[in-house]
Amino acid sequence: MNNEFDFEPEDLEFEDFDGDLEDFDEFDESELSEVNMRTAILSKNNMVALLCVKTATKGGAICRVDPREVNPSVQIYDDPAKAIEWFTKSLRTSKQNGWQVVYDGLPLQG
């Protein structure tokens, strides 16, 4: 797929998010001590996109919201370091493709 909105290298496959969070409802609260989150808001040609990563002791997830796609895409990782590595690569690729990072930090609330 050749487009301007490449968040991920070609070998990184995202799955469409179907809104089912059942698997995320069952967790041990003691595992939450190492939860980290980061959100990047990107802008290009009057489009806004999101790239988010959330990691915990036992894994992580990257979520990508592409304004041209119907649903967000989510990739789950068993290793939190791999989630951070791919988030960083995806953000770098986005910048190389002309996206401007307008925010990069903790998720905003309110």
C-alpha atoms as a PDB file:
ATOM      1  CA  MET A   1       0.000   0.000   0.000  1.00  0.00           C
ATOM      2  CA  ASN A   2       1.544   3.277  -1.059  1.00  0.00           C
ATOM      3  CA  ASN A   3       0.079   6.328   0.651  1.00  0.00           C
ATOM      4  CA  GLU A   4       1.180   9.397   2.510  1.00  0.00           C
ATOM      5  CA  PHE A   5      -0.249   8.179   5.800  1.00  0.00           C
ATOM      6  CA  ASP A   6       2.122   5.327   6.629  1.00  0.00           C
ATOM      7  CA  PHE A   7       2.372   5.032  10.393  1.00  0.00           C
ATOM      8  CA  GLU A   8       4.039   1.695  10.372  1.00  0.00           C
ATOM      9  CA  PRO A   9       6.746  -0.029   8.381  1.00  0.00           C
ATOM     10  CA  GLU A  10       5.275  -2.431   5.844  1.00  0.00           C
ATOM     11  CA  ASP A  11       5.965  -5.505   7.984  1.00  0.00           C
ATOM     12  CA  LEU A  12       3.915  -4.154  10.909  1.00  0.00           C
ATOM     13  CA  GLU A  13       0.358  -5.373  10.542  1.00  0.00           C
ATOM     14  CA  PHE A  14      -2.516  -3.742  12.393  1.00  0.00           C
ATOM     15  CA  GLU A  15      -5.871  -5.360  12.972  1.00  0.00           C
ATOM     16  CA  ASP A  16      -9.127  -3.419  12.724  1.00  0.00           C
ATOM     17  CA  PHE A  17     -10.521  -2.657  16.155  1.00  0.00           C
ATOM     18  CA  ASP A  18     -14.021  -4.068  16.441  1.00  0.00           C
ATOM     19  CA  GLY A  19     -14.870  -2.335  19.723  1.00  0.00           C
ATOM     20  CA  ASP A  20     -14.667  -5.556  21.759  1.00  0.00           C
ATOM     21  CA  LEU A  21     -12.662  -4.872  24.898  1.00  0.00           C
ATOM     22  CA  GLU A  22     -13.689  -8.052  26.719  1.00  0.00           C
ATOM     23  CA  ASP A  23     -10.097  -9.309  26.872  1.00  0.00           C
ATOM     24  CA  PHE A  24      -8.998  -6.085  28.540  1.00  0.00           C
ATOM     25  CA  ASP A  25     -11.579  -6.280  31.316  1.00  0.00           C
ATOM     26  CA  GLU A  26      -9.887  -9.225  33.010  1.00  0.00           C
ATOM     27  CA  PHE A  27      -6.639  -8.180  34.650  1.00  0.00           C
ATOM     28  CA  ASP A  28      -4.886  -8.291  37.960  1.00  0.00           C
ATOM     29  CA  GLU A  29      -4.794  -4.787  39.458  1.00  0.00           C
ATOM     30  CA  SER A  30      -1.371  -5.521  40.952  1.00  0.00           C
ATOM     31  CA  GLU A  31      -0.033  -5.548  37.365  1.00  0.00           C
ATOM     32  CA  LEU A  32      -1.077  -1.922  36.863  1.00  0.00           C
ATOM     33  CA  SER A  33       1.847  -0.451  38.762  1.00  0.00           C
ATOM     34  CA  GLU A  34       3.950  -0.229  35.614  1.00  0.00           C
ATOM     35  CA  VAL A  35       1.347   1.156  33.183  1.00  0.00           C
ATOM     36  CA  ASN A  36       2.677   3.853  30.850  1.00  0.00           C
ATOM     37  CA  MET A  37       0.778   5.743  28.166  1.00  0.00           C
ATOM     38  CA  ARG A  38       1.812   8.090  25.395  1.00  0.00           C
ATOM     39  CA  THR A  39      -0.284   9.801  22.735  1.00  0.00           C
ATOM     40  CA  ALA A  40       0.914  11.577  19.612  1.00  0.00           C
ATOM     41  CA  ILE A  41      -1.426  13.853  17.671  1.00  0.00           C
ATOM     42  CA  LEU A  42      -0.320  14.413  14.095  1.00  0.00           C
ATOM     43  CA  SER A  43      -1.454  16.859  11.436  1.00  0.00           C
ATOM     44  CA  LYS A  44      -1.101  16.985   7.665  1.00  0.00           C
ATOM     45  CA  ASN A  45      -3.183  18.559   4.897  1.00  0.00           C
ATOM     46  CA  ASN A  46      -6.105  19.452   7.206  1.00  0.00           C
ATOM     47  CA  MET A  47      -6.177  15.887   8.592  1.00  0.00           C
ATOM     48  CA  VAL A  48      -5.625  14.912  12.220  1.00  0.00           C
ATOM     49  CA  ALA A  49      -4.367  11.477  13.241  1.00  0.00           C
ATOM     50  CA  LEU A  50      -3.590   9.752  16.531  1.00  0.00           C
ATOM     51  CA  LEU A  51      -0.889   7.279  17.431  1.00  0.00           C
ATOM     52  CA  CYS A  52      -1.054   5.910  20.974  1.00  0.00           C
ATOM     53  CA  VAL A  53       0.898   3.353  22.967  1.00  0.00           C
ATOM     54  CA  LYS A  54       0.059   1.799  26.302  1.00  0.00           C
ATOM     55  CA  THR A  55       2.434  -0.575  28.056  1.00  0.00           C
ATOM     56  CA  ALA A  56       2.299  -2.594  31.247  1.00  0.00           C
ATOM     57  CA  THR A  57       4.585  -5.093  32.911  1.00  0.00           C
ATOM     58  CA  LYS A  58       3.429  -7.956  30.687  1.00  0.00           C
ATOM     59  CA  GLY A  59       2.897  -6.299  27.305  1.00  0.00           C
ATOM     60  CA  GLY A  60       1.641  -3.345  25.349  1.00  0.00           C
ATOM     61  CA  ALA A  61      -0.581  -2.089  22.580  1.00  0.00           C
ATOM     62  CA  ILE A  62      -0.341   0.508  19.839  1.00  0.00           C
ATOM     63  CA  CYS A  63      -3.488   2.157  18.528  1.00  0.00           C
ATOM     64  CA  ARG A  64      -3.557   4.131  15.298  1.00  0.00           C
ATOM     65  CA  VAL A  65      -6.449   6.357  14.228  1.00  0.00           C
ATOM     66  CA  ASP A  66      -6.205   7.154  10.524  1.00  0.00           C
ATOM     67  CA  PRO A  67      -8.781   9.729   9.334  1.00  0.00           C
ATOM     68  CA  ARG A  68      -9.137   7.840   6.052  1.00  0.00           C
ATOM     69  CA  GLU A  69      -9.983   4.541   7.739  1.00  0.00           C
ATOM     70  CA  VAL A  70     -13.389   3.613   9.148  1.00  0.00           C
ATOM     71  CA  ASN A  71     -12.023   2.014  12.348  1.00  0.00           C
ATOM     72  CA  PRO A  72      -8.942   2.468  14.514  1.00  0.00           C
ATOM     73  CA  SER A  73      -6.224  -0.185  14.206  1.00  0.00           C
ATOM     74  CA  VAL A  74      -4.682  -1.951  17.192  1.00  0.00           C
ATOM     75  CA  GLN A  75      -1.548  -4.075  17.495  1.00  0.00           C
ATOM     76  CA  ILE A  76      -0.938  -6.056  20.700  1.00  0.00           C
ATOM     77  CA  TYR A  77       2.558  -6.979  21.956  1.00  0.00           C
ATOM     78  CA  ASP A  78       3.683  -9.506  24.579  1.00  0.00           C
ATOM     79  CA  ASP A  79       6.810  -7.439  25.239  1.00  0.00           C
ATOM     80  CA  PRO A  80       6.375  -3.801  26.365  1.00  0.00           C
ATOM     81  CA  ALA A  81       9.803  -2.887  24.958  1.00  0.00           C
ATOM     82  CA  LYS A  82       8.710  -4.067  21.492  1.00  0.00           C
ATOM     83  CA  ALA A  83       5.569  -1.918  21.706  1.00  0.00           C
ATOM     84  CA  ILE A  84       7.698   1.158  22.491  1.00  0.00           C
ATOM     85  CA  GLU A  85      10.166   0.251  19.733  1.00  0.00           C
ATOM     86  CA  TRP A  86       7.405  -0.020  17.089  1.00  0.00           C
ATOM     87  CA  PHE A  87       5.656   3.126  18.350  1.00  0.00           C
ATOM     88  CA  THR A  88       8.933   5.042  17.937  1.00  0.00           C
ATOM     89  CA  LYS A  89       9.489   3.601  14.442  1.00  0.00           C
ATOM     90  CA  SER A  90       5.914   4.434  13.436  1.00  0.00           C
ATOM     91  CA  LEU A  91       6.233   8.007  14.682  1.00  0.00           C
ATOM     92  CA  ARG A  92       9.548   8.420  12.844  1.00  0.00           C
ATOM     93  CA  THR A  93       8.006   7.054   9.617  1.00  0.00           C
ATOM     94  CA  SER A  94       5.084   9.449   9.955  1.00  0.00           C
ATOM     95  CA  LYS A  95       7.428  12.429  10.258  1.00  0.00           C
ATOM     96  CA  GLN A  96       9.368  11.255   7.202  1.00  0.00           C
ATOM     97  CA  ASN A  97       6.050  11.136   5.313  1.00  0.00           C
ATOM     98  CA  GLY A  98       5.326  14.780   6.081  1.00  0.00           C
ATOM     99  CA  TRP A  99       3.184  14.509   9.195  1.00  0.00           C
ATOM    100  CA  GLN A 100       3.748  17.194  11.830  1.00  0.00           C
ATOM    101  CA  VAL A 101       3.589  16.126  15.471  1.00  0.00           C
ATOM    102  CA  VAL A 102       1.423  18.720  17.227  1.00  0.00           C
ATOM    103  CA  TYR A 103       1.319  16.915  20.582  1.00  0.00           C
ATOM    104  CA  ASP A 104       3.375  14.097  22.085  1.00  0.00           C
ATOM    105  CA  GLY A 105       2.851  13.149  25.714  1.00  0.00           C
ATOM    106  CA  LEU A 106       0.371  11.807  28.216  1.00  0.00           C
ATOM    107  CA  PRO A 107      -3.220  11.343  27.039  1.00  0.00           C
ATOM    108  CA  LEU A 108      -5.271  14.472  27.643  1.00  0.00           C
ATOM    109  CA  GLN A 109      -8.490  14.380  29.629  1.00  0.00           C
ATOM    110  CA  GLY A 110     -11.411  16.775  29.686  1.00  0.00           C
END
